[in-house]
């Protein structure tokens, strides 16, 4: 089979678009379908303007200080999770909160 050129493909597509499945219809020539396919008609091509963002030096976020209560709460919750692995975490959090208050007194 012979190689298809870009123009052959465009003519075939124009014929199909203009004349339905039969391929007949308008004779090949510069019409709206050809202009749409080739991009030679309509609005001008869009320019690539590049990135509008300027490169900035990223400042690393400061880590928040973890309070003493939160550290103790984490310890208590870990203990409870090890002791009761199947219990829902929400219930364990209640128990950890109570244990933390007792430990911090």
C-alpha atoms as a PDB file:
ATOM      1  CA  UNK A   1       0.000   0.000   0.000  1.00  0.00           C
ATOM      2  CA  UNK A   2       1.246   3.469  -0.871  1.00  0.00           C
ATOM      3  CA  UNK A   3       2.215   5.942   1.831  1.00  0.00           C
ATOM      4  CA  UNK A   4      -0.455   8.461   2.782  1.00  0.00           C
ATOM      5  CA  UNK A   5       0.579  12.081   2.805  1.00  0.00           C
ATOM      6  CA  UNK A   6      -0.854  14.668   5.124  1.00  0.00           C
ATOM      7  CA  UNK A   7      -2.800  16.234   2.250  1.00  0.00           C
ATOM      8  CA  UNK A   8      -4.333  12.852   1.277  1.00  0.00           C
ATOM      9  CA  UNK A   9      -5.555  12.297   4.826  1.00  0.00           C
ATOM     10  CA  UNK A  10      -6.983  15.815   5.018  1.00  0.00           C
ATOM     11  CA  UNK A  11      -8.811  15.390   1.717  1.00  0.00           C
ATOM     12  CA  UNK A  12     -10.237  12.062   2.851  1.00  0.00           C
ATOM     13  CA  UNK A  13     -11.425  13.523   6.156  1.00  0.00           C
ATOM     14  CA  UNK A  14     -12.927  16.562   4.439  1.00  0.00           C
ATOM     15  CA  UNK A  15     -14.785  14.297   2.057  1.00  0.00           C
ATOM     16  CA  UNK A  16     -16.124  12.188   4.895  1.00  0.00           C
ATOM     17  CA  UNK A  17     -17.152  15.211   6.969  1.00  0.00           C
ATOM     18  CA  UNK A  18     -18.742  17.057   4.056  1.00  0.00           C
ATOM     19  CA  UNK A  19     -20.445  14.153   2.322  1.00  0.00           C
ATOM     20  CA  UNK A  20     -21.250  11.665   5.023  1.00  0.00           C
ATOM     21  CA  UNK A  21     -20.114   8.032   4.777  1.00  0.00           C
ATOM     22  CA  UNK A  22     -20.153   7.938   0.991  1.00  0.00           C
ATOM     23  CA  UNK A  23     -17.187  10.263   0.727  1.00  0.00           C
ATOM     24  CA  UNK A  24     -18.844  12.331  -2.019  1.00  0.00           C
ATOM     25  CA  UNK A  25     -20.095  15.858  -1.709  1.00  0.00           C
ATOM     26  CA  UNK A  26     -18.023  18.961  -2.069  1.00  0.00           C
ATOM     27  CA  UNK A  27     -15.002  18.908  -4.352  1.00  0.00           C
ATOM     28  CA  UNK A  28     -11.699  19.144  -2.500  1.00  0.00           C
ATOM     29  CA  UNK A  29     -10.777  22.735  -1.871  1.00  0.00           C
ATOM     30  CA  UNK A  30     -10.285  25.255   0.906  1.00  0.00           C
ATOM     31  CA  UNK A  31     -13.542  25.087   2.838  1.00  0.00           C
ATOM     32  CA  UNK A  32     -14.383  25.368   6.517  1.00  0.00           C
ATOM     33  CA  UNK A  33     -13.605  21.728   7.304  1.00  0.00           C
ATOM     34  CA  UNK A  34     -10.163  21.954   5.688  1.00  0.00           C
ATOM     35  CA  UNK A  35      -9.420  25.157   7.552  1.00  0.00           C
ATOM     36  CA  UNK A  36     -10.493  23.603  10.830  1.00  0.00           C
ATOM     37  CA  UNK A  37      -8.345  20.512  10.288  1.00  0.00           C
ATOM     38  CA  UNK A  38      -5.234  22.303   9.056  1.00  0.00           C
ATOM     39  CA  UNK A  39      -5.589  25.149  11.548  1.00  0.00           C
ATOM     40  CA  UNK A  40      -5.266  27.802   8.853  1.00  0.00           C
ATOM     41  CA  UNK A  41      -8.606  29.456   9.594  1.00  0.00           C
ATOM     42  CA  UNK A  42     -10.488  30.753  12.587  1.00  0.00           C
ATOM     43  CA  UNK A  43      -8.706  32.319  15.493  1.00  0.00           C
ATOM     44  CA  UNK A  44      -4.933  32.731  15.465  1.00  0.00           C
ATOM     45  CA  UNK A  45      -2.824  30.027  17.095  1.00  0.00           C
ATOM     46  CA  UNK A  46      -2.269  30.410  20.800  1.00  0.00           C
ATOM     47  CA  UNK A  47       1.168  31.557  21.837  1.00  0.00           C
ATOM     48  CA  UNK A  48       3.113  29.769  24.467  1.00  0.00           C
ATOM     49  CA  UNK A  49       4.026  32.504  26.900  1.00  0.00           C
ATOM     50  CA  UNK A  50       5.845  30.214  29.291  1.00  0.00           C
ATOM     51  CA  UNK A  51       5.435  30.135  33.013  1.00  0.00           C
ATOM     52  CA  UNK A  52       4.265  33.298  34.705  1.00  0.00           C
ATOM     53  CA  UNK A  53       5.488  32.118  38.086  1.00  0.00           C
ATOM     54  CA  UNK A  54       8.819  33.360  39.224  1.00  0.00           C
ATOM     55  CA  UNK A  55      11.184  30.977  40.909  1.00  0.00           C
ATOM     56  CA  UNK A  56      11.256  31.585  44.617  1.00  0.00           C
ATOM     57  CA  UNK A  57      13.498  30.196  47.292  1.00  0.00           C
ATOM     58  CA  UNK A  58      11.329  27.902  49.380  1.00  0.00           C
ATOM     59  CA  UNK A  59      11.592  28.557  53.095  1.00  0.00           C
ATOM     60  CA  UNK A  60      11.195  25.347  55.099  1.00  0.00           C
ATOM     61  CA  UNK A  61       8.219  25.360  57.460  1.00  0.00           C
ATOM     62  CA  UNK A  62       9.002  25.623  61.136  1.00  0.00           C
ATOM     63  CA  UNK A  63       8.056  22.537  63.094  1.00  0.00           C
ATOM     64  CA  UNK A  64       5.484  23.112  65.784  1.00  0.00           C
ATOM     65  CA  UNK A  65       6.552  22.468  69.329  1.00  0.00           C
ATOM     66  CA  UNK A  66       4.837  19.416  70.773  1.00  0.00           C
ATOM     67  CA  UNK A  67       3.437  20.090  74.214  1.00  0.00           C
ATOM     68  CA  UNK A  68       4.277  17.933  77.219  1.00  0.00           C
ATOM     69  CA  UNK A  69       0.625  16.856  77.430  1.00  0.00           C
ATOM     70  CA  UNK A  70       0.605  15.728  73.804  1.00  0.00           C
ATOM     71  CA  UNK A  71       3.814  13.704  74.270  1.00  0.00           C
ATOM     72  CA  UNK A  72       2.411  11.953  77.337  1.00  0.00           C
ATOM     73  CA  UNK A  73      -0.901  11.359  75.553  1.00  0.00           C
ATOM     74  CA  UNK A  74       0.995   9.667  72.694  1.00  0.00           C
ATOM     75  CA  UNK A  75       2.829   7.395  75.128  1.00  0.00           C
ATOM     76  CA  UNK A  76      -0.393   6.404  76.894  1.00  0.00           C
ATOM     77  CA  UNK A  77      -2.190   5.764  73.598  1.00  0.00           C
ATOM     78  CA  UNK A  78       0.633   3.533  72.351  1.00  0.00           C
ATOM     79  CA  UNK A  79       0.519   1.517  75.567  1.00  0.00           C
ATOM     80  CA  UNK A  80      -3.221   1.076  75.247  1.00  0.00           C
ATOM     81  CA  UNK A  81      -3.000   0.094  71.574  1.00  0.00           C
ATOM     82  CA  UNK A  82      -0.461  -2.619  72.423  1.00  0.00           C
ATOM     83  CA  UNK A  83      -2.634  -3.895  75.266  1.00  0.00           C
ATOM     84  CA  UNK A  84      -5.954  -3.718  73.361  1.00  0.00           C
ATOM     85  CA  UNK A  85      -5.270  -4.012  69.611  1.00  0.00           C
ATOM     86  CA  UNK A  86      -8.880  -4.743  68.604  1.00  0.00           C
ATOM     87  CA  UNK A  87     -10.520  -1.926  70.553  1.00  0.00           C
ATOM     88  CA  UNK A  88     -11.540   1.083  68.430  1.00  0.00           C
ATOM     89  CA  UNK A  89      -9.057   3.961  68.666  1.00  0.00           C
ATOM     90  CA  UNK A  90     -11.755   6.422  69.725  1.00  0.00           C
ATOM     91  CA  UNK A  91     -12.369   4.447  72.921  1.00  0.00           C
ATOM     92  CA  UNK A  92      -8.652   4.084  73.517  1.00  0.00           C
ATOM     93  CA  UNK A  93      -8.263   7.860  73.141  1.00  0.00           C
ATOM     94  CA  UNK A  94     -10.745   8.415  75.959  1.00  0.00           C
ATOM     95  CA  UNK A  95      -8.776   6.077  78.170  1.00  0.00           C
ATOM     96  CA  UNK A  96      -5.467   7.654  77.117  1.00  0.00           C
ATOM     97  CA  UNK A  97      -6.802  11.103  77.994  1.00  0.00           C
ATOM     98  CA  UNK A  98      -7.754   9.956  81.476  1.00  0.00           C
ATOM     99  CA  UNK A  99      -4.408   8.192  81.940  1.00  0.00           C
ATOM    100  CA  UNK A 100      -2.550  11.311  80.778  1.00  0.00           C
ATOM    101  CA  UNK A 101      -4.350  13.510  83.283  1.00  0.00           C
ATOM    102  CA  UNK A 102      -3.504  11.052  86.066  1.00  0.00           C
ATOM    103  CA  UNK A 103       0.152  10.862  84.990  1.00  0.00           C
ATOM    104  CA  UNK A 104       0.558  14.647  84.803  1.00  0.00           C
ATOM    105  CA  UNK A 105      -0.775  15.321  88.320  1.00  0.00           C
END
